[in-house]
Amino acid sequence: MDAIQTSLSFAPECQEIEAAAKRGRIAALIGIEGGHAIEDSLRVLRDFYALGARYMTLTHTNTTNWADSSGDMDESGVKHHNG
């Protein structure tokens, strides 16, 4: 193994993040970039969780039905929610 592989630890749980830090390793997490990826579905969010995702940013460049993005503020067809 090269140095980069041995310094990373997959950490799907909080305790594993802390353990990696104590061992001087970098904790690697799986995340979802933008809430639009779940298409307003909690079932899809649960599916991502089952696949190992442990965090999701609310928006990336797309406004969703529940969070505004600054990436599409100038697009007239996008409904924003003032937040």
PDB file of N, CA and C in Angstrom:
ATOM      1  N   MET A   1       0.840  -1.194   0.000  1.00  0.00           N
ATOM      2  CA  MET A   1       0.000   0.000   0.000  1.00  0.00           C
ATOM      3  C   MET A   1       0.876   1.244   0.000  1.00  0.00           C
ATOM      4  N   ASP A   2       0.418   2.236  -0.728  1.00  0.00           N
ATOM      5  CA  ASP A   2       1.178   3.478  -0.685  1.00  0.00           C
ATOM      6  C   ASP A   2       0.731   4.329   0.503  1.00  0.00           C
ATOM      7  N   ALA A   3       1.440   5.408   0.745  1.00  0.00           N
ATOM      8  CA  ALA A   3       1.211   6.213   1.947  1.00  0.00           C
ATOM      9  C   ALA A   3      -0.191   6.802   2.005  1.00  0.00           C
ATOM     10  N   ILE A   4      -0.734   7.217   0.867  1.00  0.00           N
ATOM     11  CA  ILE A   4      -2.059   7.834   0.904  1.00  0.00           C
ATOM     12  C   ILE A   4      -3.121   6.814   1.309  1.00  0.00           C
ATOM     13  N   GLN A   5      -3.018   5.579   0.862  1.00  0.00           N
ATOM     14  CA  GLN A   5      -3.994   4.565   1.234  1.00  0.00           C
ATOM     15  C   GLN A   5      -3.922   4.237   2.720  1.00  0.00           C
ATOM     16  N   THR A   6      -2.737   4.173   3.265  1.00  0.00           N
ATOM     17  CA  THR A   6      -2.611   3.797   4.666  1.00  0.00           C
ATOM     18  C   THR A   6      -2.966   4.932   5.612  1.00  0.00           C
ATOM     19  N   SER A   7      -3.087   6.160   5.106  1.00  0.00           N
ATOM     20  CA  SER A   7      -3.426   7.268   5.999  1.00  0.00           C
ATOM     21  C   SER A   7      -4.919   7.580   6.002  1.00  0.00           C
ATOM     22  N   LEU A   8      -5.707   6.873   5.201  1.00  0.00           N
ATOM     23  CA  LEU A   8      -7.146   7.101   5.145  1.00  0.00           C
ATOM     24  C   LEU A   8      -7.897   5.978   5.848  1.00  0.00           C
ATOM     25  N   SER A   9      -8.996   6.342   6.495  1.00  0.00           N
ATOM     26  CA  SER A   9      -9.887   5.360   7.108  1.00  0.00           C
ATOM     27  C   SER A   9     -11.315   5.708   6.741  1.00  0.00           C
ATOM     28  N   PHE A  10     -12.039   4.757   6.167  1.00  0.00           N
ATOM     29  CA  PHE A  10     -13.462   4.965   5.925  1.00  0.00           C
ATOM     30  C   PHE A  10     -14.151   5.034   7.278  1.00  0.00           C
ATOM     31  N   ALA A  11     -14.959   6.066   7.472  1.00  0.00           N
ATOM     32  CA  ALA A  11     -15.563   6.301   8.782  1.00  0.00           C
ATOM     33  C   ALA A  11     -17.049   6.624   8.645  1.00  0.00           C
ATOM     34  N   PRO A  12     -17.893   5.610   8.583  1.00  0.00           N
ATOM     35  CA  PRO A  12     -19.322   5.876   8.456  1.00  0.00           C
ATOM     36  C   PRO A  12     -20.007   6.268   9.771  1.00  0.00           C
ATOM     37  N   GLU A  13     -19.326   6.166  10.880  1.00  0.00           N
ATOM     38  CA  GLU A  13     -19.914   6.521  12.172  1.00  0.00           C
ATOM     39  C   GLU A  13     -19.000   7.489  12.922  1.00  0.00           C
ATOM     40  N   CYS A  14     -19.576   8.267  13.808  1.00  0.00           N
ATOM     41  CA  CYS A  14     -18.840   9.282  14.560  1.00  0.00           C
ATOM     42  C   CYS A  14     -17.654   8.686  15.321  1.00  0.00           C
ATOM     43  N   GLN A  15     -17.860   7.552  15.955  1.00  0.00           N
ATOM     44  CA  GLN A  15     -16.792   6.918  16.738  1.00  0.00           C
ATOM     45  C   GLN A  15     -15.586   6.580  15.851  1.00  0.00           C
ATOM     46  N   GLU A  16     -15.861   6.207  14.608  1.00  0.00           N
ATOM     47  CA  GLU A  16     -14.779   5.855  13.692  1.00  0.00           C
ATOM     48  C   GLU A  16     -14.002   7.089  13.238  1.00  0.00           C
ATOM     49  N   ILE A  17     -14.672   8.227  13.163  1.00  0.00           N
ATOM     50  CA  ILE A  17     -13.980   9.485  12.854  1.00  0.00           C
ATOM     51  C   ILE A  17     -13.019   9.809  13.985  1.00  0.00           C
ATOM     52  N   GLU A  18     -13.504   9.710  15.217  1.00  0.00           N
ATOM     53  CA  GLU A  18     -12.664   9.991  16.384  1.00  0.00           C
ATOM     54  C   GLU A  18     -11.500   9.001  16.479  1.00  0.00           C
ATOM     55  N   ALA A  19     -11.765   7.725  16.213  1.00  0.00           N
ATOM     56  CA  ALA A  19     -10.709   6.710  16.269  1.00  0.00           C
ATOM     57  C   ALA A  19      -9.637   6.966  15.209  1.00  0.00           C
ATOM     58  N   ALA A  20     -10.058   7.366  14.024  1.00  0.00           N
ATOM     59  CA  ALA A  20      -9.090   7.668  12.959  1.00  0.00           C
ATOM     60  C   ALA A  20      -8.195   8.827  13.376  1.00  0.00           C
ATOM     61  N   ALA A  21      -8.790   9.855  13.963  1.00  0.00           N
ATOM     62  CA  ALA A  21      -8.010  11.013  14.407  1.00  0.00           C
ATOM     63  C   ALA A  21      -6.996  10.617  15.478  1.00  0.00           C
ATOM     64  N   LYS A  22      -7.397   9.761  16.396  1.00  0.00           N
ATOM     65  CA  LYS A  22      -6.486   9.317  17.449  1.00  0.00           C
ATOM     66  C   LYS A  22      -5.316   8.513  16.893  1.00  0.00           C
ATOM     67  N   ARG A  23      -5.557   7.814  15.773  1.00  0.00           N
ATOM     68  CA  ARG A  23      -4.487   7.037  15.139  1.00  0.00           C
ATOM     69  C   ARG A  23      -3.695   7.858  14.118  1.00  0.00           C
ATOM     70  N   GLY A  24      -4.012   9.141  14.015  1.00  0.00           N
ATOM     71  CA  GLY A  24      -3.298  10.010  13.076  1.00  0.00           C
ATOM     72  C   GLY A  24      -3.707   9.793  11.626  1.00  0.00           C
ATOM     73  N   ARG A  25      -4.883   9.241  11.435  1.00  0.00           N
ATOM     74  CA  ARG A  25      -5.372   8.966  10.091  1.00  0.00           C
ATOM     75  C   ARG A  25      -6.428   9.985   9.694  1.00  0.00           C
ATOM     76  N   ILE A  26      -6.705  10.069   8.417  1.00  0.00           N
ATOM     77  CA  ILE A  26      -7.727  10.958   7.889  1.00  0.00           C
ATOM     78  C   ILE A  26      -9.005  10.147   7.719  1.00  0.00           C
ATOM     79  N   ALA A  27     -10.081  10.620   8.323  1.00  0.00           N
ATOM     80  CA  ALA A  27     -11.368   9.939   8.189  1.00  0.00           C
ATOM     81  C   ALA A  27     -12.000  10.324   6.851  1.00  0.00           C
ATOM     82  N   ALA A  28     -12.425   9.336   6.100  1.00  0.00           N
ATOM     83  CA  ALA A  28     -13.083   9.562   4.819  1.00  0.00           C
ATOM     84  C   ALA A  28     -14.560   9.197   4.952  1.00  0.00           C
ATOM     85  N   LEU A  29     -15.412  10.122   4.547  1.00  0.00           N
ATOM     86  CA  LEU A  29     -16.848   9.914   4.618  1.00  0.00           C
ATOM     87  C   LEU A  29     -17.448   9.962   3.215  1.00  0.00           C
ATOM     88  N   ILE A  30     -18.593   9.340   3.054  1.00  0.00           N
ATOM     89  CA  ILE A  30     -19.332   9.430   1.801  1.00  0.00           C
ATOM     90  C   ILE A  30     -20.450  10.439   2.018  1.00  0.00           C
ATOM     91  N   GLY A  31     -20.554  11.407   1.112  1.00  0.00           N
ATOM     92  CA  GLY A  31     -21.578  12.420   1.218  1.00  0.00           C
ATOM     93  C   GLY A  31     -22.288  12.634  -0.106  1.00  0.00           C
ATOM     94  N   ILE A  32     -23.404  13.334  -0.033  1.00  0.00           N
ATOM     95  CA  ILE A  32     -24.199  13.675  -1.205  1.00  0.00           C
ATOM     96  C   ILE A  32     -24.044  15.174  -1.435  1.00  0.00           C
ATOM     97  N   GLU A  33     -23.641  15.553  -2.620  1.00  0.00           N
ATOM     98  CA  GLU A  33     -23.427  16.962  -2.954  1.00  0.00           C
ATOM     99  C   GLU A  33     -24.713  17.546  -3.515  1.00  0.00           C
ATOM    100  N   GLY A  34     -25.518  18.107  -2.648  1.00  0.00           N
ATOM    101  CA  GLY A  34     -26.755  18.758  -3.065  1.00  0.00           C
ATOM    102  C   GLY A  34     -27.992  17.919  -2.827  1.00  0.00           C
ATOM    103  N   GLY A  35     -28.953  18.508  -2.126  1.00  0.00           N
ATOM    104  CA  GLY A  35     -30.187  17.814  -1.799  1.00  0.00           C
ATOM    105  C   GLY A  35     -31.032  17.441  -3.001  1.00  0.00           C
ATOM    106  N   HIS A  36     -30.771  18.073  -4.144  1.00  0.00           N
ATOM    107  CA  HIS A  36     -31.528  17.713  -5.346  1.00  0.00           C
ATOM    108  C   HIS A  36     -31.331  16.241  -5.703  1.00  0.00           C
ATOM    109  N   ALA A  37     -30.247  15.632  -5.224  1.00  0.00           N
ATOM    110  CA  ALA A  37     -29.941  14.237  -5.548  1.00  0.00           C
ATOM    111  C   ALA A  37     -30.980  13.266  -4.990  1.00  0.00           C
ATOM    112  N   ILE A  38     -31.700  13.664  -3.944  1.00  0.00           N
ATOM    113  CA  ILE A  38     -32.702  12.750  -3.385  1.00  0.00           C
ATOM    114  C   ILE A  38     -34.084  12.975  -3.989  1.00  0.00           C
ATOM    115  N   GLU A  39     -34.224  13.975  -4.835  1.00  0.00           N
ATOM    116  CA  GLU A  39     -35.482  14.244  -5.547  1.00  0.00           C
ATOM    117  C   GLU A  39     -36.690  14.287  -4.610  1.00  0.00           C
ATOM    118  N   ASP A  40     -36.531  14.979  -3.466  1.00  0.00           N
ATOM    119  CA  ASP A  40     -37.601  15.157  -2.480  1.00  0.00           C
ATOM    120  C   ASP A  40     -38.106  13.847  -1.880  1.00  0.00           C
ATOM    121  N   SER A  41     -37.287  12.824  -1.876  1.00  0.00           N
ATOM    122  CA  SER A  41     -37.727  11.518  -1.404  1.00  0.00           C
ATOM    123  C   SER A  41     -36.914  11.059  -0.193  1.00  0.00           C
ATOM    124  N   LEU A  42     -37.601  10.869   0.933  1.00  0.00           N
ATOM    125  CA  LEU A  42     -36.922  10.328   2.107  1.00  0.00           C
ATOM    126  C   LEU A  42     -36.493   8.881   1.873  1.00  0.00           C
ATOM    127  N   ARG A  43     -37.224   8.155   1.030  1.00  0.00           N
ATOM    128  CA  ARG A  43     -36.826   6.785   0.688  1.00  0.00           C
ATOM    129  C   ARG A  43     -35.467   6.783  -0.001  1.00  0.00           C
ATOM    130  N   VAL A  44     -35.259   7.726  -0.920  1.00  0.00           N
ATOM    131  CA  VAL A  44     -33.972   7.804  -1.606  1.00  0.00           C
ATOM    132  C   VAL A  44     -32.873   8.194  -0.618  1.00  0.00           C
ATOM    133  N   LEU A  45     -33.183   9.094   0.322  1.00  0.00           N
ATOM    134  CA  LEU A  45     -32.213   9.456   1.352  1.00  0.00           C
ATOM    135  C   LEU A  45     -31.828   8.227   2.173  1.00  0.00           C
ATOM    136  N   ARG A  46     -32.808   7.415   2.541  1.00  0.00           N
ATOM    137  CA  ARG A  46     -32.529   6.173   3.277  1.00  0.00           C
ATOM    138  C   ARG A  46     -31.681   5.213   2.443  1.00  0.00           C
ATOM    139  N   ASP A  47     -31.952   5.157   1.141  1.00  0.00           N
ATOM    140  CA  ASP A  47     -31.154   4.306   0.256  1.00  0.00           C
ATOM    141  C   ASP A  47     -29.702   4.764   0.230  1.00  0.00           C
ATOM    142  N   PHE A  48     -29.477   6.077   0.125  1.00  0.00           N
ATOM    143  CA  PHE A  48     -28.107   6.600   0.159  1.00  0.00           C
ATOM    144  C   PHE A  48     -27.435   6.250   1.492  1.00  0.00           C
ATOM    145  N   TYR A  49     -28.188   6.353   2.586  1.00  0.00           N
ATOM    146  CA  TYR A  49     -27.639   5.999   3.898  1.00  0.00           C
ATOM    147  C   TYR A  49     -27.219   4.532   3.918  1.00  0.00           C
ATOM    148  N   ALA A  50     -28.074   3.670   3.391  1.00  0.00           N
ATOM    149  CA  ALA A  50     -27.759   2.238   3.348  1.00  0.00           C
ATOM    150  C   ALA A  50     -26.503   1.968   2.519  1.00  0.00           C
ATOM    151  N   LEU A  51     -26.235   2.829   1.542  1.00  0.00           N
ATOM    152  CA  LEU A  51     -25.040   2.685   0.703  1.00  0.00           C
ATOM    153  C   LEU A  51     -23.793   3.297   1.346  1.00  0.00           C
ATOM    154  N   GLY A  52     -23.966   3.958   2.508  1.00  0.00           N
ATOM    155  CA  GLY A  52     -22.813   4.491   3.227  1.00  0.00           C
ATOM    156  C   GLY A  52     -22.736   5.995   3.332  1.00  0.00           C
ATOM    157  N   ALA A  53     -23.627   6.728   2.670  1.00  0.00           N
ATOM    158  CA  ALA A  53     -23.602   8.195   2.762  1.00  0.00           C
ATOM    159  C   ALA A  53     -24.007   8.616   4.171  1.00  0.00           C
ATOM    160  N   ARG A  54     -23.272   9.587   4.723  1.00  0.00           N
ATOM    161  CA  ARG A  54     -23.550  10.026   6.084  1.00  0.00           C
ATOM    162  C   ARG A  54     -23.794  11.526   6.213  1.00  0.00           C
ATOM    163  N   TYR A  55     -23.680  12.264   5.113  1.00  0.00           N
ATOM    164  CA  TYR A  55     -24.036  13.677   5.153  1.00  0.00           C
ATOM    165  C   TYR A  55     -24.508  14.098   3.775  1.00  0.00           C
ATOM    166  N   MET A  56     -25.257  15.207   3.754  1.00  0.00           N
ATOM    167  CA  MET A  56     -25.753  15.746   2.497  1.00  0.00           C
ATOM    168  C   MET A  56     -25.772  17.258   2.619  1.00  0.00           C
ATOM    169  N   THR A  57     -25.204  17.939   1.639  1.00  0.00           N
ATOM    170  CA  THR A  57     -25.341  19.394   1.616  1.00  0.00           C
ATOM    171  C   THR A  57     -26.759  19.705   1.139  1.00  0.00           C
ATOM    172  N   LEU A  58     -27.355  20.754   1.665  1.00  0.00           N
ATOM    173  CA  LEU A  58     -28.744  21.057   1.327  1.00  0.00           C
ATOM    174  C   LEU A  58     -28.903  21.449  -0.132  1.00  0.00           C
ATOM    175  N   THR A  59     -27.993  22.278  -0.620  1.00  0.00           N
ATOM    176  CA  THR A  59     -28.051  22.692  -2.020  1.00  0.00           C
ATOM    177  C   THR A  59     -26.642  22.685  -2.589  1.00  0.00           C
ATOM    178  N   HIS A  60     -26.572  22.635  -3.883  1.00  0.00           N
ATOM    179  CA  HIS A  60     -25.285  22.841  -4.561  1.00  0.00           C
ATOM    180  C   HIS A  60     -25.517  24.018  -5.490  1.00  0.00           C
ATOM    181  N   THR A  61     -25.947  23.759  -6.682  1.00  0.00           N
ATOM    182  CA  THR A  61     -26.280  24.854  -7.588  1.00  0.00           C
ATOM    183  C   THR A  61     -27.755  24.848  -7.944  1.00  0.00           C
ATOM    184  N   ASN A  62     -28.518  23.968  -7.310  1.00  0.00           N
ATOM    185  CA  ASN A  62     -29.938  23.830  -7.611  1.00  0.00           C
ATOM    186  C   ASN A  62     -30.782  24.128  -6.381  1.00  0.00           C
ATOM    187  N   THR A  63     -31.816  24.952  -6.545  1.00  0.00           N
ATOM    188  CA  THR A  63     -32.808  25.139  -5.500  1.00  0.00           C
ATOM    189  C   THR A  63     -33.702  23.910  -5.468  1.00  0.00           C
ATOM    190  N   THR A  64     -34.052  23.484  -4.269  1.00  0.00           N
ATOM    191  CA  THR A  64     -34.974  22.351  -4.114  1.00  0.00           C
ATOM    192  C   THR A  64     -36.304  22.893  -3.594  1.00  0.00           C
ATOM    193  N   ASN A  65     -37.248  22.020  -3.351  1.00  0.00           N
ATOM    194  CA  ASN A  65     -38.528  22.450  -2.786  1.00  0.00           C
ATOM    195  C   ASN A  65     -38.393  22.866  -1.332  1.00  0.00           C
ATOM    196  N   TRP A  66     -37.229  22.622  -0.720  1.00  0.00           N
ATOM    197  CA  TRP A  66     -37.065  22.888   0.704  1.00  0.00           C
ATOM    198  C   TRP A  66     -35.798  23.664   1.044  1.00  0.00           C
ATOM    199  N   ALA A  67     -35.022  24.088   0.052  1.00  0.00           N
ATOM    200  CA  ALA A  67     -33.818  24.885   0.328  1.00  0.00           C
ATOM    201  C   ALA A  67     -33.433  25.676  -0.917  1.00  0.00           C
ATOM    202  N   ASP A  68     -33.091  26.948  -0.729  1.00  0.00           N
ATOM    203  CA  ASP A  68     -32.667  27.807  -1.838  1.00  0.00           C
ATOM    204  C   ASP A  68     -31.176  27.702  -2.076  1.00  0.00           C
ATOM    205  N   SER A  69     -30.803  27.770  -3.339  1.00  0.00           N
ATOM    206  CA  SER A  69     -29.395  27.802  -3.726  1.00  0.00           C
ATOM    207  C   SER A  69     -29.068  29.165  -4.309  1.00  0.00           C
ATOM    208  N   SER A  70     -27.880  29.649  -4.060  1.00  0.00           N
ATOM    209  CA  SER A  70     -27.452  30.904  -4.683  1.00  0.00           C
ATOM    210  C   SER A  70     -27.034  30.671  -6.128  1.00  0.00           C
ATOM    211  N   GLY A  71     -26.905  29.412  -6.538  1.00  0.00           N
ATOM    212  CA  GLY A  71     -26.441  29.094  -7.880  1.00  0.00           C
ATOM    213  C   GLY A  71     -27.455  29.332  -8.972  1.00  0.00           C
ATOM    214  N   ASP A  72     -28.723  29.504  -8.613  1.00  0.00           N
ATOM    215  CA  ASP A  72     -29.739  29.725  -9.642  1.00  0.00           C
ATOM    216  C   ASP A  72     -30.607  30.951  -9.342  1.00  0.00           C
ATOM    217  N   MET A  73     -30.070  31.895  -8.587  1.00  0.00           N
ATOM    218  CA  MET A  73     -30.828  33.089  -8.191  1.00  0.00           C
ATOM    219  C   MET A  73     -31.264  33.933  -9.383  1.00  0.00           C
ATOM    220  N   ASP A  74     -30.502  33.916 -10.460  1.00  0.00           N
ATOM    221  CA  ASP A  74     -30.823  34.745 -11.623  1.00  0.00           C
ATOM    222  C   ASP A  74     -31.715  34.037 -12.637  1.00  0.00           C
ATOM    223  N   GLU A  75     -32.110  32.812 -12.363  1.00  0.00           N
ATOM    224  CA  GLU A  75     -32.962  32.068 -13.285  1.00  0.00           C
ATOM    225  C   GLU A  75     -34.429  32.349 -12.957  1.00  0.00           C
ATOM    226  N   SER A  76     -35.111  32.983 -13.899  1.00  0.00           N
ATOM    227  CA  SER A  76     -36.483  33.439 -13.648  1.00  0.00           C
ATOM    228  C   SER A  76     -37.476  32.300 -13.435  1.00  0.00           C
ATOM    229  N   GLY A  77     -37.245  31.138 -13.984  1.00  0.00           N
ATOM    230  CA  GLY A  77     -38.185  30.034 -13.867  1.00  0.00           C
ATOM    231  C   GLY A  77     -38.069  29.248 -12.573  1.00  0.00           C
ATOM    232  N   VAL A  78     -37.106  29.597 -11.723  1.00  0.00           N
ATOM    233  CA  VAL A  78     -36.873  28.853 -10.487  1.00  0.00           C
ATOM    234  C   VAL A  78     -37.594  29.541  -9.335  1.00  0.00           C
ATOM    235  N   LYS A  79     -38.443  28.789  -8.627  1.00  0.00           N
ATOM    236  CA  LYS A  79     -39.148  29.344  -7.471  1.00  0.00           C
ATOM    237  C   LYS A  79     -38.240  29.286  -6.253  1.00  0.00           C
ATOM    238  N   HIS A  80     -37.985  30.443  -5.651  1.00  0.00           N
ATOM    239  CA  HIS A  80     -37.171  30.519  -4.446  1.00  0.00           C
ATOM    240  C   HIS A  80     -38.055  30.764  -3.236  1.00  0.00           C
ATOM    241  N   HIS A  81     -37.552  30.429  -2.078  1.00  0.00           N
ATOM    242  CA  HIS A  81     -38.341  30.431  -0.846  1.00  0.00           C
ATOM    243  C   HIS A  81     -37.857  31.470   0.172  1.00  0.00           C
ATOM    244  N   ASN A  82     -36.964  32.355  -0.255  1.00  0.00           N
ATOM    245  CA  ASN A  82     -36.413  33.400   0.621  1.00  0.00           C
ATOM    246  C   ASN A  82     -35.642  32.828   1.799  1.00  0.00           C
ATOM    247  N   GLY A  83     -34.888  31.798   1.531  1.00  0.00           N
ATOM    248  CA  GLY A  83     -34.100  31.244   2.621  1.00  0.00           C
ATOM    249  C   GLY A  83     -33.061  30.272   2.161  1.00  0.00           C
TER     250      GLY A  83
END
